[in-house]
């Protein structure tokens, strides 16, 4: 229908142009009844065409309503005030209590006398007796005599000019000299009697003094030991 109206409209315009060109230039044609009818017809056609177009557009708008878009809700953000939460502080573990160190006091064992045996010479000599006896108790600082009886088993005589009795080692308890001379020569199987003046040390405790028979001033061939226990006076 739209194409028919358009074709009719073009035809009317084309006819009007042809009629206009048929008049002399510069003289407007005198309208006739036919021309007026044509003009009215063109106006009516134009009006009807416009009305029809508007009605058609309106109907299309009704049949095909414009798609509406629903705007999505705007996201809203709630600003939460920042709170400075204090950092958790680790609680220090309790310091271990150091237990007192056990102190052990060493109690000295009972005083034991040294187990140095009395020298019992064999071979060239033999100890027959000795006083004081082994670990005899003697008061501190007191005088005492040490006596030995020694048998000559060497097979040779102990001449007074060649053999003497001397301090060798240990605690010096002799009162006078380190050398004691024999009173007389001692024949083989004979016994030499020797005495030395001594004084006990001032400090209590065990003491040992070693003596011996010496030949020619250098050769020690018989050794004996004096062992005593000094006690407070």
C-alpha atoms as a PDB file:
ATOM      1  CA  UNK A   1       0.000   0.000   0.000  1.00  0.00           C
ATOM      2  CA  UNK A   2       2.829   2.357   0.787  1.00  0.00           C
ATOM      3  CA  UNK A   3       4.369   1.680  -2.616  1.00  0.00           C
ATOM      4  CA  UNK A   4       1.034   2.493  -4.362  1.00  0.00           C
ATOM      5  CA  UNK A   5       0.688   5.820  -2.603  1.00  0.00           C
ATOM      6  CA  UNK A   6       4.272   6.678  -3.405  1.00  0.00           C
ATOM      7  CA  UNK A   7       3.758   5.840  -7.076  1.00  0.00           C
ATOM      8  CA  UNK A   8       0.588   7.965  -7.208  1.00  0.00           C
ATOM      9  CA  UNK A   9       2.356  10.867  -5.553  1.00  0.00           C
ATOM     10  CA  UNK A  10       5.216  10.709  -8.071  1.00  0.00           C
ATOM     11  CA  UNK A  11       2.725  10.591 -10.939  1.00  0.00           C
ATOM     12  CA  UNK A  12       0.859  13.690  -9.747  1.00  0.00           C
ATOM     13  CA  UNK A  13       4.108  15.656  -9.371  1.00  0.00           C
ATOM     14  CA  UNK A  14       5.270  14.576 -12.785  1.00  0.00           C
ATOM     15  CA  UNK A  15       1.900  15.617 -14.343  1.00  0.00           C
ATOM     16  CA  UNK A  16       2.036  19.005 -12.624  1.00  0.00           C
ATOM     17  CA  UNK A  17       5.513  19.627 -14.002  1.00  0.00           C
ATOM     18  CA  UNK A  18       4.435  18.824 -17.540  1.00  0.00           C
ATOM     19  CA  UNK A  19       1.444  21.162 -17.309  1.00  0.00           C
ATOM     20  CA  UNK A  20       3.593  23.947 -15.928  1.00  0.00           C
ATOM     21  CA  UNK A  21       6.062  23.660 -18.750  1.00  0.00           C
ATOM     22  CA  UNK A  22       3.358  24.018 -21.345  1.00  0.00           C
ATOM     23  CA  UNK A  23       2.719  27.699 -20.444  1.00  0.00           C
ATOM     24  CA  UNK A  24       4.882  30.596 -21.796  1.00  0.00           C
ATOM     25  CA  UNK A  25       7.805  31.554 -19.587  1.00  0.00           C
ATOM     26  CA  UNK A  26       7.170  34.535 -17.397  1.00  0.00           C
ATOM     27  CA  UNK A  27       3.374  34.401 -17.545  1.00  0.00           C
ATOM     28  CA  UNK A  28       1.770  32.512 -14.725  1.00  0.00           C
ATOM     29  CA  UNK A  29      -0.973  30.227 -15.889  1.00  0.00           C
ATOM     30  CA  UNK A  30      -4.494  31.019 -15.045  1.00  0.00           C
ATOM     31  CA  UNK A  31      -5.790  28.412 -12.769  1.00  0.00           C
ATOM     32  CA  UNK A  32      -8.532  26.387 -14.182  1.00  0.00           C
ATOM     33  CA  UNK A  33     -11.037  24.171 -12.542  1.00  0.00           C
ATOM     34  CA  UNK A  34      -9.065  21.111 -13.547  1.00  0.00           C
ATOM     35  CA  UNK A  35      -5.856  22.474 -12.115  1.00  0.00           C
ATOM     36  CA  UNK A  36      -7.527  23.360  -8.865  1.00  0.00           C
ATOM     37  CA  UNK A  37      -8.957  19.875  -8.738  1.00  0.00           C
ATOM     38  CA  UNK A  38      -5.533  18.365  -9.301  1.00  0.00           C
ATOM     39  CA  UNK A  39      -4.006  20.514  -6.571  1.00  0.00           C
ATOM     40  CA  UNK A  40      -6.707  19.527  -4.134  1.00  0.00           C
ATOM     41  CA  UNK A  41      -6.224  15.922  -5.093  1.00  0.00           C
ATOM     42  CA  UNK A  42      -2.446  16.202  -4.449  1.00  0.00           C
ATOM     43  CA  UNK A  43      -3.015  17.812  -1.057  1.00  0.00           C
ATOM     44  CA  UNK A  44      -5.532  15.161  -0.151  1.00  0.00           C
ATOM     45  CA  UNK A  45      -3.144  12.434  -1.212  1.00  0.00           C
ATOM     46  CA  UNK A  46      -0.304  13.993   0.783  1.00  0.00           C
ATOM     47  CA  UNK A  47      -2.498  14.374   3.853  1.00  0.00           C
ATOM     48  CA  UNK A  48      -3.782  10.814   3.574  1.00  0.00           C
ATOM     49  CA  UNK A  49      -0.250   9.521   3.019  1.00  0.00           C
ATOM     50  CA  UNK A  50       1.029  11.337   6.085  1.00  0.00           C
ATOM     51  CA  UNK A  51      -1.908  10.180   8.172  1.00  0.00           C
ATOM     52  CA  UNK A  52      -1.469   6.651   6.967  1.00  0.00           C
ATOM     53  CA  UNK A  53       2.271   6.744   7.763  1.00  0.00           C
ATOM     54  CA  UNK A  54       1.623   8.126  11.222  1.00  0.00           C
ATOM     55  CA  UNK A  55      -1.067   5.523  11.899  1.00  0.00           C
ATOM     56  CA  UNK A  56       1.185   2.777  10.655  1.00  0.00           C
ATOM     57  CA  UNK A  57       4.087   3.951  12.820  1.00  0.00           C
ATOM     58  CA  UNK A  58       1.753   4.211  15.792  1.00  0.00           C
ATOM     59  CA  UNK A  59       0.477   0.672  15.208  1.00  0.00           C
ATOM     60  CA  UNK A  60       4.046  -0.616  14.895  1.00  0.00           C
ATOM     61  CA  UNK A  61       4.907   1.172  18.142  1.00  0.00           C
ATOM     62  CA  UNK A  62       1.966  -0.540  19.827  1.00  0.00           C
ATOM     63  CA  UNK A  63       2.757  -3.929  18.345  1.00  0.00           C
ATOM     64  CA  UNK A  64       6.474  -3.594  18.989  1.00  0.00           C
ATOM     65  CA  UNK A  65       6.939  -1.579  22.129  1.00  0.00           C
ATOM     66  CA  UNK A  66      10.355  -0.118  22.575  1.00  0.00           C
ATOM     67  CA  UNK A  67      12.561  -2.355  24.709  1.00  0.00           C
ATOM     68  CA  UNK A  68      13.267  -0.739  27.969  1.00  0.00           C
ATOM     69  CA  UNK A  69      16.368  -1.387  29.944  1.00  0.00           C
ATOM     70  CA  UNK A  70      16.234  -1.590  33.627  1.00  0.00           C
ATOM     71  CA  UNK A  71      19.326  -0.076  35.078  1.00  0.00           C
ATOM     72  CA  UNK A  72      21.114  -2.310  37.449  1.00  0.00           C
ATOM     73  CA  UNK A  73      21.233  -1.136  40.994  1.00  0.00           C
ATOM     74  CA  UNK A  74      24.324   0.790  41.727  1.00  0.00           C
ATOM     75  CA  UNK A  75      26.597  -1.054  44.076  1.00  0.00           C
ATOM     76  CA  UNK A  76      26.876   0.741  47.316  1.00  0.00           C
ATOM     77  CA  UNK A  77      29.887   0.454  49.553  1.00  0.00           C
ATOM     78  CA  UNK A  78      29.776   1.100  53.253  1.00  0.00           C
ATOM     79  CA  UNK A  79      32.985   2.678  54.490  1.00  0.00           C
ATOM     80  CA  UNK A  80      33.984   0.952  57.685  1.00  0.00           C
ATOM     81  CA  UNK A  81      36.253   3.091  59.851  1.00  0.00           C
ATOM     82  CA  UNK A  82      39.684   1.532  60.302  1.00  0.00           C
ATOM     83  CA  UNK A  83      40.448   0.558  63.828  1.00  0.00           C
ATOM     84  CA  UNK A  84      44.085   0.163  64.703  1.00  0.00           C
ATOM     85  CA  UNK A  85      43.989  -3.113  66.601  1.00  0.00           C
ATOM     86  CA  UNK A  86      47.100  -3.467  68.727  1.00  0.00           C
ATOM     87  CA  UNK A  87      49.349  -6.309  67.697  1.00  0.00           C
ATOM     88  CA  UNK A  88      49.119  -9.258  69.991  1.00  0.00           C
ATOM     89  CA  UNK A  89      52.145  -9.284  72.205  1.00  0.00           C
ATOM     90  CA  UNK A  90      53.538 -12.676  73.021  1.00  0.00           C
ATOM     91  CA  UNK A  91      53.716 -13.308  76.712  1.00  0.00           C
ATOM     92  CA  UNK A  92      57.304 -14.174  77.654  1.00  0.00           C
ATOM     93  CA  UNK A  93      57.682 -17.583  79.159  1.00  0.00           C
ATOM     94  CA  UNK A  94      58.672 -17.597  82.797  1.00  0.00           C
ATOM     95  CA  UNK A  95      62.374 -17.845  83.341  1.00  0.00           C
ATOM     96  CA  UNK A  96      63.403 -21.212  84.620  1.00  0.00           C
ATOM     97  CA  UNK A  97      64.484 -21.055  88.222  1.00  0.00           C
ATOM     98  CA  UNK A  98      67.993 -22.348  88.580  1.00  0.00           C
ATOM     99  CA  UNK A  99      68.109 -24.764  91.409  1.00  0.00           C
ATOM    100  CA  UNK A 100      71.001 -24.326  93.775  1.00  0.00           C
ATOM    101  CA  UNK A 101      73.947 -26.484  92.953  1.00  0.00           C
ATOM    102  CA  UNK A 102      74.476 -29.230  95.408  1.00  0.00           C
ATOM    103  CA  UNK A 103      77.773 -28.842  97.113  1.00  0.00           C
ATOM    104  CA  UNK A 104      79.474 -31.932  98.314  1.00  0.00           C
ATOM    105  CA  UNK A 105      82.020 -31.616 101.046  1.00  0.00           C
ATOM    106  CA  UNK A 106      84.578 -34.301 100.812  1.00  0.00           C
ATOM    107  CA  UNK A 107      85.310 -35.724 104.194  1.00  0.00           C
ATOM    108  CA  UNK A 108      88.869 -36.902 104.295  1.00  0.00           C
ATOM    109  CA  UNK A 109      89.144 -40.569 105.075  1.00  0.00           C
ATOM    110  CA  UNK A 110      90.778 -41.633 108.280  1.00  0.00           C
ATOM    111  CA  UNK A 111      94.478 -41.156 108.217  1.00  0.00           C
ATOM    112  CA  UNK A 112      96.043 -44.280 106.987  1.00  0.00           C
ATOM    113  CA  UNK A 113      99.642 -44.932 107.728  1.00  0.00           C
ATOM    114  CA  UNK A 114     101.794 -45.512 104.674  1.00  0.00           C
ATOM    115  CA  UNK A 115     102.320 -49.120 103.844  1.00  0.00           C
ATOM    116  CA  UNK A 116     106.013 -48.779 103.190  1.00  0.00           C
ATOM    117  CA  UNK A 117     107.454 -52.000 104.503  1.00  0.00           C
ATOM    118  CA  UNK A 118     110.408 -52.031 106.777  1.00  0.00           C
ATOM    119  CA  UNK A 119     113.490 -52.668 104.801  1.00  0.00           C
ATOM    120  CA  UNK A 120     114.641 -56.152 105.604  1.00  0.00           C
ATOM    121  CA  UNK A 121     118.043 -56.349 103.998  1.00  0.00           C
ATOM    122  CA  UNK A 122     118.930 -59.617 102.406  1.00  0.00           C
ATOM    123  CA  UNK A 123     122.169 -60.715 100.885  1.00  0.00           C
ATOM    124  CA  UNK A 124     124.969 -58.666 102.449  1.00  0.00           C
ATOM    125  CA  UNK A 125     122.900 -57.832 105.603  1.00  0.00           C
ATOM    126  CA  UNK A 126     119.836 -58.816 107.622  1.00  0.00           C
ATOM    127  CA  UNK A 127     117.778 -56.608 109.966  1.00  0.00           C
ATOM    128  CA  UNK A 128     117.463 -58.305 113.333  1.00  0.00           C
ATOM    129  CA  UNK A 129     115.585 -55.614 115.327  1.00  0.00           C
ATOM    130  CA  UNK A 130     114.647 -51.945 115.291  1.00  0.00           C
ATOM    131  CA  UNK A 131     113.297 -49.413 117.802  1.00  0.00           C
ATOM    132  CA  UNK A 132     111.045 -47.577 117.860  1.00  0.00           C
ATOM    133  CA  UNK A 133     108.924 -50.156 116.107  1.00  0.00           C
ATOM    134  CA  UNK A 134     107.125 -49.465 112.902  1.00  0.00           C
ATOM    135  CA  UNK A 135     104.711 -46.471 113.213  1.00  0.00           C
ATOM    136  CA  UNK A 136     105.227 -46.148 116.925  1.00  0.00           C
ATOM    137  CA  UNK A 137     103.523 -43.013 118.261  1.00  0.00           C
ATOM    138  CA  UNK A 138     105.947 -40.335 119.421  1.00  0.00           C
ATOM    139  CA  UNK A 139     105.023 -36.933 120.862  1.00  0.00           C
ATOM    140  CA  UNK A 140     105.760 -33.994 118.620  1.00  0.00           C
ATOM    141  CA  UNK A 141     109.113 -32.306 119.294  1.00  0.00           C
ATOM    142  CA  UNK A 142     110.259 -34.963 121.747  1.00  0.00           C
ATOM    143  CA  UNK A 143     113.726 -36.611 121.766  1.00  0.00           C
ATOM    144  CA  UNK A 144     114.063 -40.314 121.098  1.00  0.00           C
ATOM    145  CA  UNK A 145     116.757 -42.805 120.095  1.00  0.00           C
ATOM    146  CA  UNK A 146     116.600 -44.992 117.019  1.00  0.00           C
ATOM    147  CA  UNK A 147     118.323 -48.361 117.483  1.00  0.00           C
ATOM    148  CA  UNK A 148     119.128 -51.030 114.877  1.00  0.00           C
ATOM    149  CA  UNK A 149     120.673 -54.466 115.095  1.00  0.00           C
ATOM    150  CA  UNK A 150     121.971 -55.588 111.700  1.00  0.00           C
ATOM    151  CA  UNK A 151     123.611 -58.961 110.986  1.00  0.00           C
ATOM    152  CA  UNK A 152     126.551 -59.214 108.558  1.00  0.00           C
ATOM    153  CA  UNK A 153     125.655 -61.814 105.938  1.00  0.00           C
ATOM    154  CA  UNK A 154     128.026 -60.572 103.234  1.00  0.00           C
ATOM    155  CA  UNK A 155     130.897 -63.012 103.929  1.00  0.00           C
ATOM    156  CA  UNK A 156     133.296 -60.077 104.360  1.00  0.00           C
ATOM    157  CA  UNK A 157     134.192 -58.090 107.440  1.00  0.00           C
ATOM    158  CA  UNK A 158     132.771 -54.603 107.879  1.00  0.00           C
ATOM    159  CA  UNK A 159     135.802 -52.657 108.824  1.00  0.00           C
ATOM    160  CA  UNK A 160     135.321 -49.402 110.738  1.00  0.00           C
ATOM    161  CA  UNK A 161     137.708 -47.609 108.398  1.00  0.00           C
ATOM    162  CA  UNK A 162     135.703 -48.644 105.278  1.00  0.00           C
ATOM    163  CA  UNK A 163     132.046 -49.026 106.337  1.00  0.00           C
ATOM    164  CA  UNK A 164     129.739 -46.462 108.068  1.00  0.00           C
ATOM    165  CA  UNK A 165     125.995 -45.823 108.650  1.00  0.00           C
ATOM    166  CA  UNK A 166     124.498 -42.808 106.771  1.00  0.00           C
ATOM    167  CA  UNK A 167     121.254 -40.851 106.182  1.00  0.00           C
ATOM    168  CA  UNK A 168     119.955 -41.673 102.693  1.00  0.00           C
ATOM    169  CA  UNK A 169     116.547 -39.969 102.203  1.00  0.00           C
ATOM    170  CA  UNK A 170     113.199 -39.047 103.815  1.00  0.00           C
ATOM    171  CA  UNK A 171     112.537 -36.797 106.799  1.00  0.00           C
ATOM    172  CA  UNK A 172     115.644 -35.637 108.611  1.00  0.00           C
ATOM    173  CA  UNK A 173     114.981 -36.414 112.235  1.00  0.00           C
ATOM    174  CA  UNK A 174     118.603 -36.918 113.335  1.00  0.00           C
ATOM    175  CA  UNK A 175     119.635 -34.570 116.081  1.00  0.00           C
ATOM    176  CA  UNK A 176     123.313 -34.253 115.252  1.00  0.00           C
ATOM    177  CA  UNK A 177     124.984 -35.735 112.194  1.00  0.00           C
ATOM    178  CA  UNK A 178     124.088 -37.499 108.932  1.00  0.00           C
ATOM    179  CA  UNK A 179     126.898 -40.084 109.395  1.00  0.00           C
ATOM    180  CA  UNK A 180     127.333 -42.532 112.280  1.00  0.00           C
ATOM    181  CA  UNK A 181     130.501 -44.590 112.538  1.00  0.00           C
ATOM    182  CA  UNK A 182     130.578 -48.214 113.572  1.00  0.00           C
ATOM    183  CA  UNK A 183     131.842 -48.767 117.131  1.00  0.00           C
ATOM    184  CA  UNK A 184     133.893 -51.770 115.941  1.00  0.00           C
ATOM    185  CA  UNK A 185     134.444 -53.964 112.934  1.00  0.00           C
ATOM    186  CA  UNK A 186     131.821 -56.608 112.309  1.00  0.00           C
ATOM    187  CA  UNK A 187     132.909 -60.047 111.173  1.00  0.00           C
ATOM    188  CA  UNK A 188     130.780 -62.256 108.900  1.00  0.00           C
ATOM    189  CA  UNK A 189     127.680 -63.468 110.764  1.00  0.00           C
ATOM    190  CA  UNK A 190     128.412 -60.818 113.379  1.00  0.00           C
ATOM    191  CA  UNK A 191     125.839 -58.161 114.444  1.00  0.00           C
ATOM    192  CA  UNK A 192     126.327 -54.406 114.283  1.00  0.00           C
ATOM    193  CA  UNK A 193     124.563 -52.310 116.913  1.00  0.00           C
ATOM    194  CA  UNK A 194     123.776 -48.759 115.802  1.00  0.00           C
ATOM    195  CA  UNK A 195     122.098 -45.888 117.666  1.00  0.00           C
ATOM    196  CA  UNK A 196     121.129 -42.438 116.365  1.00  0.00           C
ATOM    197  CA  UNK A 197     119.867 -39.541 118.488  1.00  0.00           C
ATOM    198  CA  UNK A 198     116.704 -38.097 116.949  1.00  0.00           C
ATOM    199  CA  UNK A 199     113.942 -35.551 117.591  1.00  0.00           C
ATOM    200  CA  UNK A 200     110.334 -35.905 116.444  1.00  0.00           C
ATOM    201  CA  UNK A 201     108.888 -33.270 114.049  1.00  0.00           C
ATOM    202  CA  UNK A 202     106.531 -30.638 115.504  1.00  0.00           C
ATOM    203  CA  UNK A 203     103.630 -31.352 113.130  1.00  0.00           C
ATOM    204  CA  UNK A 204     101.600 -34.515 113.810  1.00  0.00           C
ATOM    205  CA  UNK A 205     101.590 -37.158 111.101  1.00  0.00           C
ATOM    206  CA  UNK A 206     103.523 -40.105 109.711  1.00  0.00           C
ATOM    207  CA  UNK A 207     107.206 -39.701 108.942  1.00  0.00           C
ATOM    208  CA  UNK A 208     109.839 -41.929 107.342  1.00  0.00           C
ATOM    209  CA  UNK A 209     113.610 -41.678 107.403  1.00  0.00           C
ATOM    210  CA  UNK A 210     115.842 -43.982 105.327  1.00  0.00           C
ATOM    211  CA  UNK A 211     119.351 -44.966 106.413  1.00  0.00           C
ATOM    212  CA  UNK A 212     121.958 -47.435 105.129  1.00  0.00           C
ATOM    213  CA  UNK A 213     125.383 -49.035 105.416  1.00  0.00           C
ATOM    214  CA  UNK A 214     127.814 -47.445 102.956  1.00  0.00           C
ATOM    215  CA  UNK A 215     131.155 -48.859 101.844  1.00  0.00           C
ATOM    216  CA  UNK A 216     133.955 -46.578 100.682  1.00  0.00           C
ATOM    217  CA  UNK A 217     131.711 -43.500 101.117  1.00  0.00           C
ATOM    218  CA  UNK A 218     129.759 -44.198  97.911  1.00  0.00           C
ATOM    219  CA  UNK A 219     128.529 -47.780  97.725  1.00  0.00           C
ATOM    220  CA  UNK A 220     125.250 -48.308  99.606  1.00  0.00           C
ATOM    221  CA  UNK A 221     124.784 -52.017 100.177  1.00  0.00           C
ATOM    222  CA  UNK A 222     122.229 -52.213 103.015  1.00  0.00           C
ATOM    223  CA  UNK A 223     119.183 -49.905 103.566  1.00  0.00           C
ATOM    224  CA  UNK A 224     116.770 -49.733 106.555  1.00  0.00           C
ATOM    225  CA  UNK A 225     113.770 -47.416 107.217  1.00  0.00           C
ATOM    226  CA  UNK A 226     112.534 -45.725 110.378  1.00  0.00           C
ATOM    227  CA  UNK A 227     108.762 -45.049 110.340  1.00  0.00           C
ATOM    228  CA  UNK A 228     106.972 -43.235 113.156  1.00  0.00           C
ATOM    229  CA  UNK A 229     103.616 -41.536 113.829  1.00  0.00           C
ATOM    230  CA  UNK A 230     104.009 -38.123 115.460  1.00  0.00           C
ATOM    231  CA  UNK A 231     101.131 -37.042 117.718  1.00  0.00           C
ATOM    232  CA  UNK A 232     100.445 -33.829 119.599  1.00  0.00           C
ATOM    233  CA  UNK A 233     102.270 -33.577 122.884  1.00  0.00           C
END
